[in-house]
PDB file of N, CA and C in Angstrom:
ATOM      1  N   ILE A   1      64.111  54.878  25.154  1.00  0.00           N
ATOM      2  CA  ILE A   1      65.027  55.943  24.213  1.00  0.00           C
ATOM      3  C   ILE A   1      65.817  56.533  25.407  1.00  0.00           C
ATOM      4  N   MET A   2      65.024  56.402  26.757  1.00  0.00           N
ATOM      5  CA  MET A   2      65.821  57.423  27.664  1.00  0.00           C
ATOM      6  C   MET A   2      67.042  56.263  28.189  1.00  0.00           C
ATOM      7  N   ARG A   3      66.896  55.099  28.324  1.00  0.00           N
ATOM      8  CA  ARG A   3      68.314  54.221  28.355  1.00  0.00           C
ATOM      9  C   ARG A   3      69.147  54.522  27.459  1.00  0.00           C
ATOM     10  N   LEU A   4      69.266  54.612  26.483  1.00  0.00           N
ATOM     11  CA  LEU A   4      69.710  54.746  25.032  1.00  0.00           C
ATOM     12  C   LEU A   4      70.721  55.870  25.583  1.00  0.00           C
ATOM     13  N   VAL A   5      69.925  57.432  25.707  1.00  0.00           N
ATOM     14  CA  VAL A   5      70.673  58.640  26.298  1.00  0.00           C
ATOM     15  C   VAL A   5      71.225  58.091  27.564  1.00  0.00           C
ATOM     16  N   LEU A   6      71.048  57.523  28.299  1.00  0.00           N
ATOM     17  CA  LEU A   6      71.509  57.389  29.663  1.00  0.00           C
ATOM     18  C   LEU A   6      72.965  56.569  29.409  1.00  0.00           C
ATOM     19  N   MET A   7      72.640  55.629  28.720  1.00  0.00           N
ATOM     20  CA  MET A   7      73.760  54.848  28.603  1.00  0.00           C
ATOM     21  C   MET A   7      74.650  54.781  27.333  1.00  0.00           C
ATOM     22  N   GLY A   8      74.387  55.710  26.411  1.00  0.00           N
ATOM     23  CA  GLY A   8      75.296  56.199  25.436  1.00  0.00           C
ATOM     24  C   GLY A   8      75.906  55.133  24.672  1.00  0.00           C
ATOM     25  N   ARG A   9      77.462  55.129  24.702  1.00  0.00           N
ATOM     26  CA  ARG A   9      78.001  54.044  23.986  1.00  0.00           C
ATOM     27  C   ARG A   9      78.055  52.963  24.564  1.00  0.00           C
ATOM     28  N   HIS A  10      77.561  52.705  25.715  1.00  0.00           N
ATOM     29  CA  HIS A  10      77.469  51.683  26.542  1.00  0.00           C
ATOM     30  C   HIS A  10      76.076  50.662  25.893  1.00  0.00           C
ATOM     31  N   GLU A  11      75.360  51.282  25.234  1.00  0.00           N
ATOM     32  CA  GLU A  11      74.189  50.154  24.954  1.00  0.00           C
ATOM     33  C   GLU A  11      74.271  50.349  23.151  1.00  0.00           C
ATOM     34  N   ARG A  12      73.728  48.774  23.407  1.00  0.00           N
ATOM     35  CA  ARG A  12      74.110  48.303  21.670  1.00  0.00           C
ATOM     36  C   ARG A  12      72.761  48.131  21.095  1.00  0.00           C
ATOM     37  N   LEU A  13      71.786  48.442  19.888  1.00  0.00           N
ATOM     38  CA  LEU A  13      70.801  48.207  19.527  1.00  0.00           C
ATOM     39  C   LEU A  13      70.903  47.169  18.413  1.00  0.00           C
ATOM     40  N   SER A  14      70.140  46.147  17.938  1.00  0.00           N
ATOM     41  CA  SER A  14      70.025  45.530  16.437  1.00  0.00           C
ATOM     42  C   SER A  14      69.465  46.530  15.749  1.00  0.00           C
ATOM     43  N   SER A  15      69.803  46.113  14.485  1.00  0.00           N
ATOM     44  CA  SER A  15      68.880  46.805  13.550  1.00  0.00           C
ATOM     45  C   SER A  15      67.351  46.932  13.483  1.00  0.00           C
ATOM     46  N   GLU A  16      66.947  45.719  14.094  1.00  0.00           N
ATOM     47  CA  GLU A  16      65.550  45.237  13.962  1.00  0.00           C
ATOM     48  C   GLU A  16      64.976  46.260  15.415  1.00  0.00           C
ATOM     49  N   ARG A  17      65.697  46.059  16.276  1.00  0.00           N
ATOM     50  CA  ARG A  17      65.287  46.840  17.491  1.00  0.00           C
ATOM     51  C   ARG A  17      65.284  48.191  17.388  1.00  0.00           C
ATOM     52  N   ALA A  18      66.532  48.604  16.794  1.00  0.00           N
ATOM     53  CA  ALA A  18      65.882  50.235  16.621  1.00  0.00           C
ATOM     54  C   ALA A  18      64.668  50.782  15.426  1.00  0.00           C
ATOM     55  N   ARG A  19      64.433  49.613  14.555  1.00  0.00           N
ATOM     56  CA  ARG A  19      63.450  49.790  13.823  1.00  0.00           C
ATOM     57  C   ARG A  19      61.995  49.961  14.712  1.00  0.00           C
ATOM     58  N   GLU A  20      62.150  48.723  15.538  1.00  0.00           N
ATOM     59  CA  GLU A  20      60.770  48.740  16.461  1.00  0.00           C
ATOM     60  C   GLU A  20      60.777  50.129  17.168  1.00  0.00           C
ATOM     61  N   LEU A  21      61.714  50.587  17.764  1.00  0.00           N
ATOM     62  CA  LEU A  21      61.558  51.848  18.465  1.00  0.00           C
ATOM     63  C   LEU A  21      61.220  53.069  17.414  1.00  0.00           C
ATOM     64  N   GLY A  22      61.677  52.996  16.398  1.00  0.00           N
ATOM     65  CA  GLY A  22      61.166  54.063  15.585  1.00  0.00           C
ATOM     66  C   GLY A  22      62.424  55.119  15.292  1.00  0.00           C
ATOM     67  N   LEU A  23      63.731  54.260  15.849  1.00  0.00           N
ATOM     68  CA  LEU A  23      64.807  55.077  15.499  1.00  0.00           C
ATOM     69  C   LEU A  23      65.278  55.158  14.062  1.00  0.00           C
ATOM     70  N   VAL A  24      64.924  53.675  13.181  1.00  0.00           N
ATOM     71  CA  VAL A  24      65.476  53.883  11.885  1.00  0.00           C
ATOM     72  C   VAL A  24      64.329  53.246  10.973  1.00  0.00           C
ATOM     73  N   SER A  25      63.689  53.772  10.262  1.00  0.00           N
ATOM     74  CA  SER A  25      62.538  53.674   9.086  1.00  0.00           C
ATOM     75  C   SER A  25      62.679  52.710   8.347  1.00  0.00           C
ATOM     76  N   GLN A  26      63.995  52.129   7.703  1.00  0.00           N
ATOM     77  CA  GLN A  26      64.399  51.054   6.602  1.00  0.00           C
ATOM     78  C   GLN A  26      65.661  50.310   6.899  1.00  0.00           C
ATOM     79  N   ILE A  27      66.036  49.446   6.762  1.00  0.00           N
ATOM     80  CA  ILE A  27      67.026  48.111   7.152  1.00  0.00           C
ATOM     81  C   ILE A  27      67.860  47.949   5.704  1.00  0.00           C
ATOM     82  N   PHE A  28      69.071  48.236   5.459  1.00  0.00           N
ATOM     83  CA  PHE A  28      69.830  47.727   4.083  1.00  0.00           C
ATOM     84  C   PHE A  28      70.502  46.740   4.333  1.00  0.00           C
ATOM     85  N   GLU A  29      70.841  45.642   3.196  1.00  0.00           N
ATOM     86  CA  GLU A  29      71.807  44.734   3.764  1.00  0.00           C
ATOM     87  C   GLU A  29      73.200  45.446   3.436  1.00  0.00           C
ATOM     88  N   ALA A  30      74.255  45.087   4.001  1.00  0.00           N
ATOM     89  CA  ALA A  30      75.644  45.527   3.769  1.00  0.00           C
ATOM     90  C   ALA A  30      76.037  45.646   2.485  1.00  0.00           C
ATOM     91  N   GLU A  31      75.643  44.809   1.734  1.00  0.00           N
ATOM     92  CA  GLU A  31      75.882  44.404   0.126  1.00  0.00           C
ATOM     93  C   GLU A  31      75.311  45.292  -0.674  1.00  0.00           C
ATOM     94  N   ASN A  32      74.082  46.051  -0.106  1.00  0.00           N
ATOM     95  CA  ASN A  32      73.582  46.955  -0.852  1.00  0.00           C
ATOM     96  C   ASN A  32      73.423  48.409  -0.420  1.00  0.00           C
ATOM     97  N   PHE A  33      73.855  48.559   0.733  1.00  0.00           N
ATOM     98  CA  PHE A  33      74.219  49.944   1.313  1.00  0.00           C
ATOM     99  C   PHE A  33      74.283  50.831   0.776  1.00  0.00           C
ATOM    100  N   GLU A  34      75.209  51.290   0.281  1.00  0.00           N
ATOM    101  CA  GLU A  34      75.851  52.585  -0.632  1.00  0.00           C
ATOM    102  C   GLU A  34      74.474  52.616  -1.620  1.00  0.00           C
ATOM    103  N   ALA A  35      74.182  51.607  -2.600  1.00  0.00           N
ATOM    104  CA  ALA A  35      73.437  52.007  -3.532  1.00  0.00           C
ATOM    105  C   ALA A  35      71.983  52.286  -3.024  1.00  0.00           C
ATOM    106  N   GLU A  36      71.721  51.899  -2.043  1.00  0.00           N
ATOM    107  CA  GLU A  36      70.055  52.015  -1.194  1.00  0.00           C
ATOM    108  C   GLU A  36      70.017  53.320  -1.023  1.00  0.00           C
ATOM    109  N   VAL A  37      70.792  53.560  -0.139  1.00  0.00           N
ATOM    110  CA  VAL A  37      71.290  54.977   0.395  1.00  0.00           C
ATOM    111  C   VAL A  37      71.633  56.261  -0.859  1.00  0.00           C
ATOM    112  N   GLN A  38      72.166  55.918  -1.474  1.00  0.00           N
ATOM    113  CA  GLN A  38      72.417  56.700  -2.732  1.00  0.00           C
ATOM    114  C   GLN A  38      71.001  57.005  -3.555  1.00  0.00           C
ATOM    115  N   ASP A  39      70.248  55.913  -3.466  1.00  0.00           N
ATOM    116  CA  ASP A  39      68.944  55.831  -4.112  1.00  0.00           C
ATOM    117  C   ASP A  39      67.861  56.829  -3.145  1.00  0.00           C
ATOM    118  N   LEU A  40      68.103  56.431  -2.185  1.00  0.00           N
ATOM    119  CA  LEU A  40      67.221  57.620  -1.190  1.00  0.00           C
ATOM    120  C   LEU A  40      67.417  58.848  -1.401  1.00  0.00           C
ATOM    121  N   ALA A  41      68.568  59.247  -1.433  1.00  0.00           N
ATOM    122  CA  ALA A  41      69.356  60.576  -1.151  1.00  0.00           C
ATOM    123  C   ALA A  41      68.652  61.243  -2.487  1.00  0.00           C
ATOM    124  N   GLU A  42      68.772  60.407  -3.701  1.00  0.00           N
ATOM    125  CA  GLU A  42      68.438  61.066  -4.926  1.00  0.00           C
ATOM    126  C   GLU A  42      66.780  61.379  -5.265  1.00  0.00           C
ATOM    127  N   THR A  43      66.049  60.201  -4.520  1.00  0.00           N
ATOM    128  CA  THR A  43      64.596  60.748  -4.288  1.00  0.00           C
ATOM    129  C   THR A  43      64.377  61.815  -3.608  1.00  0.00           C
ATOM    130  N   ILE A  44      64.970  61.843  -2.547  1.00  0.00           N
ATOM    131  CA  ILE A  44      64.858  63.547  -1.633  1.00  0.00           C
ATOM    132  C   ILE A  44      65.165  64.379  -2.559  1.00  0.00           C
ATOM    133  N   ALA A  45      66.241  64.440  -2.869  1.00  0.00           N
ATOM    134  CA  ALA A  45      66.896  65.596  -3.845  1.00  0.00           C
ATOM    135  C   ALA A  45      65.736  65.842  -4.680  1.00  0.00           C
ATOM    136  N   SER A  46      65.418  65.162  -5.504  1.00  0.00           N
ATOM    137  CA  SER A  46      64.411  65.434  -6.668  1.00  0.00           C
ATOM    138  C   SER A  46      63.298  65.890  -6.437  1.00  0.00           C
ATOM    139  N   ASN A  47      62.575  66.193  -5.123  1.00  0.00           N
ATOM    140  CA  ASN A  47      61.747  66.722  -4.570  1.00  0.00           C
ATOM    141  C   ASN A  47      61.922  68.534  -4.718  1.00  0.00           C
ATOM    142  N   SER A  48      60.369  69.250  -4.605  1.00  0.00           N
ATOM    143  CA  SER A  48      61.037  70.637  -4.384  1.00  0.00           C
ATOM    144  C   SER A  48      61.748  71.186  -3.241  1.00  0.00           C
ATOM    145  N   PRO A  49      62.763  71.570  -3.450  1.00  0.00           N
ATOM    146  CA  PRO A  49      63.343  72.289  -1.978  1.00  0.00           C
ATOM    147  C   PRO A  49      62.536  72.992  -1.128  1.00  0.00           C
ATOM    148  N   SER A  50      61.642  73.636  -1.538  1.00  0.00           N
ATOM    149  CA  SER A  50      60.957  74.804  -1.072  1.00  0.00           C
ATOM    150  C   SER A  50      59.878  73.783  -0.406  1.00  0.00           C
ATOM    151  N   THR A  51      59.485  72.870  -0.736  1.00  0.00           N
ATOM    152  CA  THR A  51      58.363  71.964  -0.244  1.00  0.00           C
ATOM    153  C   THR A  51      59.048  71.212   1.164  1.00  0.00           C
ATOM    154  N   MET A  52      60.060  70.735   0.734  1.00  0.00           N
ATOM    155  CA  MET A  52      61.275  70.114   1.837  1.00  0.00           C
ATOM    156  C   MET A  52      61.157  71.139   2.863  1.00  0.00           C
ATOM    157  N   MET A  53      61.731  72.488   2.989  1.00  0.00           N
ATOM    158  CA  MET A  53      61.960  72.936   3.690  1.00  0.00           C
ATOM    159  C   MET A  53      60.596  73.373   4.501  1.00  0.00           C
ATOM    160  N   ALA A  54      59.479  73.666   3.777  1.00  0.00           N
ATOM    161  CA  ALA A  54      58.186  73.652   4.349  1.00  0.00           C
ATOM    162  C   ALA A  54      57.891  72.470   5.188  1.00  0.00           C
ATOM    163  N   SER A  55      57.968  71.379   4.538  1.00  0.00           N
ATOM    164  CA  SER A  55      57.825  70.156   5.377  1.00  0.00           C
ATOM    165  C   SER A  55      58.638  70.148   6.747  1.00  0.00           C
ATOM    166  N   LYS A  56      59.958  70.386   6.583  1.00  0.00           N
ATOM    167  CA  LYS A  56      60.567  70.221   7.806  1.00  0.00           C
ATOM    168  C   LYS A  56      60.066  70.972   8.739  1.00  0.00           C
ATOM    169  N   LYS A  57      59.797  72.498   8.682  1.00  0.00           N
ATOM    170  CA  LYS A  57      59.303  73.433   9.438  1.00  0.00           C
ATOM    171  C   LYS A  57      58.127  73.129  10.075  1.00  0.00           C
ATOM    172  N   ALA A  58      57.162  72.395   9.435  1.00  0.00           N
ATOM    173  CA  ALA A  58      55.764  72.174   9.563  1.00  0.00           C
ATOM    174  C   ALA A  58      55.905  70.837  10.913  1.00  0.00           C
ATOM    175  N   ILE A  59      56.745  69.869  10.641  1.00  0.00           N
ATOM    176  CA  ILE A  59      57.048  68.728  11.383  1.00  0.00           C
ATOM    177  C   ILE A  59      58.082  69.333  12.589  1.00  0.00           C
ATOM    178  N   TRP A  60      58.636  70.055  12.745  1.00  0.00           N
ATOM    179  CA  TRP A  60      59.491  70.524  13.450  1.00  0.00           C
ATOM    180  C   TRP A  60      58.340  71.366  14.725  1.00  0.00           C
ATOM    181  N   GLY A  61      57.899  72.487  13.822  1.00  0.00           N
ATOM    182  CA  GLY A  61      56.918  72.999  14.358  1.00  0.00           C
ATOM    183  C   GLY A  61      55.761  72.544  15.115  1.00  0.00           C
ATOM    184  N   ALA A  62      55.354  71.226  14.820  1.00  0.00           N
ATOM    185  CA  ALA A  62      54.240  70.476  15.204  1.00  0.00           C
ATOM    186  C   ALA A  62      54.741  69.785  16.372  1.00  0.00           C
ATOM    187  N   LEU A  63      55.927  69.836  16.802  1.00  0.00           N
ATOM    188  CA  LEU A  63      56.840  68.739  17.986  1.00  0.00           C
ATOM    189  C   LEU A  63      56.640  69.697  19.165  1.00  0.00           C
ATOM    190  N   GLU A  64      56.669  71.061  18.957  1.00  0.00           N
ATOM    191  CA  GLU A  64      56.150  72.143  20.065  1.00  0.00           C
ATOM    192  C   GLU A  64      55.143  72.235  20.314  1.00  0.00           C
ATOM    193  N   ARG A  65      54.039  71.800  19.708  1.00  0.00           N
ATOM    194  CA  ARG A  65      52.912  72.339  19.973  1.00  0.00           C
ATOM    195  C   ARG A  65      51.698  71.240  20.777  1.00  0.00           C
ATOM    196  N   SER A  66      50.686  71.329  20.913  1.00  0.00           N
ATOM    197  CA  SER A  66      49.591  70.109  21.609  1.00  0.00           C
ATOM    198  C   SER A  66      49.038  69.904  20.433  1.00  0.00           C
ATOM    199  N   ARG A  67      48.260  69.137  20.485  1.00  0.00           N
ATOM    200  CA  ARG A  67      47.567  68.269  19.058  1.00  0.00           C
ATOM    201  C   ARG A  67      46.673  69.334  17.998  1.00  0.00           C
ATOM    202  N   GLU A  68      45.723  69.994  19.042  1.00  0.00           N
ATOM    203  CA  GLU A  68      45.114  70.941  18.271  1.00  0.00           C
ATOM    204  C   GLU A  68      45.636  71.746  17.775  1.00  0.00           C
ATOM    205  N   SER A  69      46.678  72.348  18.157  1.00  0.00           N
ATOM    206  CA  SER A  69      47.585  73.714  17.793  1.00  0.00           C
ATOM    207  C   SER A  69      48.695  73.203  16.645  1.00  0.00           C
ATOM    208  N   ALA A  70      49.514  71.751  16.803  1.00  0.00           N
ATOM    209  CA  ALA A  70      49.763  71.360  15.834  1.00  0.00           C
ATOM    210  C   ALA A  70      49.066  71.132  14.464  1.00  0.00           C
ATOM    211  N   MET A  71      47.827  70.756  14.626  1.00  0.00           N
ATOM    212  CA  MET A  71      46.911  70.712  13.603  1.00  0.00           C
ATOM    213  C   MET A  71      46.595  72.284  12.834  1.00  0.00           C
ATOM    214  N   ALA A  72      46.445  72.906  13.460  1.00  0.00           N
ATOM    215  CA  ALA A  72      45.966  74.402  12.988  1.00  0.00           C
ATOM    216  C   ALA A  72      47.298  74.710  12.155  1.00  0.00           C
ATOM    217  N   TYR A  73      48.623  74.837  12.942  1.00  0.00           N
ATOM    218  CA  TYR A  73      49.773  75.038  12.374  1.00  0.00           C
ATOM    219  C   TYR A  73      50.045  74.447  11.592  1.00  0.00           C
ATOM    220  N   GLY A  74      49.574  73.104  11.118  1.00  0.00           N
ATOM    221  CA  GLY A  74      50.131  72.531   9.547  1.00  0.00           C
ATOM    222  C   GLY A  74      49.120  72.960   8.874  1.00  0.00           C
ATOM    223  N   LEU A  75      47.877  73.300   9.187  1.00  0.00           N
ATOM    224  CA  LEU A  75      47.045  73.801   7.846  1.00  0.00           C
ATOM    225  C   LEU A  75      47.348  75.128   7.500  1.00  0.00           C
ATOM    226  N   GLU A  76      47.841  75.935   8.670  1.00  0.00           N
ATOM    227  CA  GLU A  76      48.287  77.431   8.248  1.00  0.00           C
ATOM    228  C   GLU A  76      49.690  77.103   7.193  1.00  0.00           C
ATOM    229  N   MET A  77      50.610  76.163   7.459  1.00  0.00           N
ATOM    230  CA  MET A  77      51.356  76.135   6.799  1.00  0.00           C
ATOM    231  C   MET A  77      51.196  75.566   5.382  1.00  0.00           C
ATOM    232  N   VAL A  78      50.244  74.851   5.177  1.00  0.00           N
ATOM    233  CA  VAL A  78      49.363  74.381   3.661  1.00  0.00           C
ATOM    234  C   VAL A  78      49.000  75.607   2.891  1.00  0.00           C
ATOM    235  N   ARG A  79      47.839  76.478   3.869  1.00  0.00           N
ATOM    236  CA  ARG A  79      47.739  77.724   3.360  1.00  0.00           C
ATOM    237  C   ARG A  79      48.510  78.652   2.974  1.00  0.00           C
ATOM    238  N   ASP A  80      49.747  78.825   3.378  1.00  0.00           N
ATOM    239  CA  ASP A  80      51.003  79.741   3.238  1.00  0.00           C
ATOM    240  C   ASP A  80      51.524  79.335   2.079  1.00  0.00           C
ATOM    241  N   PHE A  81      51.508  78.382   1.868  1.00  0.00           N
ATOM    242  CA  PHE A  81      52.449  77.350   0.489  1.00  0.00           C
ATOM    243  C   PHE A  81      51.708  77.064  -0.570  1.00  0.00           C
ATOM    244  N   TRP A  82      50.427  76.994  -0.118  1.00  0.00           N
ATOM    245  CA  TRP A  82      49.393  76.971  -1.571  1.00  0.00           C
ATOM    246  C   TRP A  82      49.880  77.656  -2.751  1.00  0.00           C
ATOM    247  N   ASP A  83      50.106  78.882  -2.572  1.00  0.00           N
ATOM    248  CA  ASP A  83      50.246  79.857  -4.125  1.00  0.00           C
ATOM    249  C   ASP A  83      51.633  79.579  -4.409  1.00  0.00           C
ATOM    250  N   HIS A  84      52.658  78.697  -3.824  1.00  0.00           N
ATOM    251  CA  HIS A  84      53.750  78.469  -4.576  1.00  0.00           C
ATOM    252  C   HIS A  84      53.921  78.036  -6.070  1.00  0.00           C
ATOM    253  N   PRO A  85      54.788  78.313  -6.701  1.00  0.00           N
ATOM    254  CA  PRO A  85      54.835  77.954  -8.226  1.00  0.00           C
ATOM    255  C   PRO A  85      55.064  76.154  -7.805  1.00  0.00           C
ATOM    256  N   ASP A  86      55.838  75.796  -7.192  1.00  0.00           N
ATOM    257  CA  ASP A  86      56.148  74.528  -7.003  1.00  0.00           C
ATOM    258  C   ASP A  86      54.931  73.456  -7.108  1.00  0.00           C
ATOM    259  N   ASN A  87      53.889  73.856  -6.382  1.00  0.00           N
ATOM    260  CA  ASN A  87      52.548  73.262  -6.516  1.00  0.00           C
ATOM    261  C   ASN A  87      51.830  72.969  -7.603  1.00  0.00           C
ATOM    262  N   LEU A  88      51.924  73.967  -8.350  1.00  0.00           N
ATOM    263  CA  LEU A  88      51.303  74.154  -9.932  1.00  0.00           C
ATOM    264  C   LEU A  88      52.103  73.149 -10.772  1.00  0.00           C
ATOM    265  N   GLU A  89      53.665  73.479 -10.425  1.00  0.00           N
ATOM    266  CA  GLU A  89      54.610  72.629 -11.085  1.00  0.00           C
ATOM    267  C   GLU A  89      54.891  71.200 -11.067  1.00  0.00           C
ATOM    268  N   GLY A  90      54.419  70.791  -9.946  1.00  0.00           N
ATOM    269  CA  GLY A  90      54.527  69.369  -9.450  1.00  0.00           C
ATOM    270  C   GLY A  90      53.422  68.591 -10.109  1.00  0.00           C
ATOM    271  N   ALA A  91      52.250  69.274  -9.803  1.00  0.00           N
ATOM    272  CA  ALA A  91      50.859  68.609 -10.950  1.00  0.00           C
ATOM    273  C   ALA A  91      51.214  68.287 -12.224  1.00  0.00           C
ATOM    274  N   ARG A  92      51.787  69.796 -12.885  1.00  0.00           N
ATOM    275  CA  ARG A  92      51.628  69.805 -14.158  1.00  0.00           C
ATOM    276  C   ARG A  92      53.069  68.465 -14.509  1.00  0.00           C
ATOM    277  N   ALA A  93      54.090  68.535 -13.971  1.00  0.00           N
ATOM    278  CA  ALA A  93      54.850  67.295 -13.868  1.00  0.00           C
ATOM    279  C   ALA A  93      54.547  66.063 -14.055  1.00  0.00           C
ATOM    280  N   PHE A  94      53.760  65.680 -12.840  1.00  0.00           N
ATOM    281  CA  PHE A  94      52.924  64.525 -13.036  1.00  0.00           C
ATOM    282  C   PHE A  94      52.262  64.216 -13.765  1.00  0.00           C
ATOM    283  N   ALA A  95      51.372  65.061 -14.718  1.00  0.00           N
ATOM    284  CA  ALA A  95      50.392  65.068 -15.600  1.00  0.00           C
ATOM    285  C   ALA A  95      51.289  64.710 -16.967  1.00  0.00           C
ATOM    286  N   GLU A  96      52.165  65.457 -17.171  1.00  0.00           N
ATOM    287  CA  GLU A  96      52.569  65.207 -18.193  1.00  0.00           C
ATOM    288  C   GLU A  96      53.627  64.274 -18.306  1.00  0.00           C
ATOM    289  N   LYS A  97      54.006  63.406 -16.644  1.00  0.00           N
ATOM    290  CA  LYS A  97      54.908  62.633 -16.927  1.00  0.00           C
ATOM    291  C   LYS A  97      56.597  62.724 -17.308  1.00  0.00           C
ATOM    292  N   ARG A  98      56.837  63.892 -16.382  1.00  0.00           N
ATOM    293  CA  ARG A  98      58.094  64.389 -16.780  1.00  0.00           C
ATOM    294  C   ARG A  98      58.778  64.822 -15.496  1.00  0.00           C
ATOM    295  N   GLU A  99      60.146  65.112 -15.090  1.00  0.00           N
ATOM    296  CA  GLU A  99      60.578  65.817 -14.052  1.00  0.00           C
ATOM    297  C   GLU A  99      60.311  67.039 -14.267  1.00  0.00           C
ATOM    298  N   ALA A 100      59.864  67.306 -12.715  1.00  0.00           N
ATOM    299  CA  ALA A 100      59.591  68.976 -12.692  1.00  0.00           C
ATOM    300  C   ALA A 100      60.668  69.595 -12.664  1.00  0.00           C
ATOM    301  N   THR A 101      60.741  71.177 -12.801  1.00  0.00           N
ATOM    302  CA  THR A 101      61.435  72.018 -12.972  1.00  0.00           C
ATOM    303  C   THR A 101      61.030  72.929 -11.658  1.00  0.00           C
ATOM    304  N   TRP A 102      61.819  72.778 -10.375  1.00  0.00           N
ATOM    305  CA  TRP A 102      61.241  73.603  -9.199  1.00  0.00           C
ATOM    306  C   TRP A 102      61.667  75.194  -9.600  1.00  0.00           C
ATOM    307  N   ALA A 103      60.897  76.031  -8.691  1.00  0.00           N
ATOM    308  CA  ALA A 103      61.269  77.168  -8.561  1.00  0.00           C
ATOM    309  C   ALA A 103      62.466  77.684  -7.527  1.00  0.00           C
ATOM    310  N   SER A 104      62.871  78.696  -7.256  1.00  0.00           N
ATOM    311  CA  SER A 104      63.858  78.979  -6.323  1.00  0.00           C
ATOM    312  C   SER A 104      63.557  78.782  -4.848  1.00  0.00           C
ATOM    313  N   PRO A 105      64.234  78.118  -4.412  1.00  0.00           N
ATOM    314  CA  PRO A 105      63.756  77.752  -3.028  1.00  0.00           C
ATOM    315  C   PRO A 105      63.024  78.859  -1.875  1.00  0.00           C
ATOM    316  N   ARG A 106      61.862  78.584  -1.514  1.00  0.00           N
ATOM    317  CA  ARG A 106      61.249  79.704  -0.588  1.00  0.00           C
ATOM    318  C   ARG A 106      60.405  78.762   0.568  1.00  0.00           C
ATOM    319  N   ALA A 107      60.301  78.921   1.544  1.00  0.00           N
ATOM    320  CA  ALA A 107      59.309  78.309   2.265  1.00  0.00           C
ATOM    321  C   ALA A 107      58.721  79.445   3.256  1.00  0.00           C
ATOM    322  N   PRO A 108      57.466  79.463   3.749  1.00  0.00           N
ATOM    323  CA  PRO A 108      56.639  80.145   4.599  1.00  0.00           C
ATOM    324  C   PRO A 108      57.616  80.500   5.736  1.00  0.00           C
ATOM    325  N   GLY A 109      57.672  82.060   6.242  1.00  0.00           N
ATOM    326  CA  GLY A 109      58.404  82.112   7.370  1.00  0.00           C
ATOM    327  C   GLY A 109      59.722  82.069   7.219  1.00  0.00           C
ATOM    328  N   ILE A 110      60.605  81.741   6.305  1.00  0.00           N
ATOM    329  CA  ILE A 110      62.119  81.224   6.323  1.00  0.00           C
ATOM    330  C   ILE A 110      62.642  82.222   5.353  1.00  0.00           C
TER     331      ILE A 110
END
């Protein structure tokens, strides 16, 4: 990664090498790229906005902590979010095999 940062535009990686380094999680063929990206975006967008906000906050917050502190922080985030209406709605929607209707976005501490 340091080499990429220092080399900037002069360093090129294959998609396979970028995946090996953890810079990308998925590779799409050129002819399917638009459809695959659209499908991925729609899947992410179908999740609870509040859950997505809380998840991103937990991940970014954990990066700034020691492992033990990150685990405690993650548990705190789960506890703070436990009573959110989307938790119950998600479980109900899954059990009833229907799309969830999410509450207004809110994340702990946001």
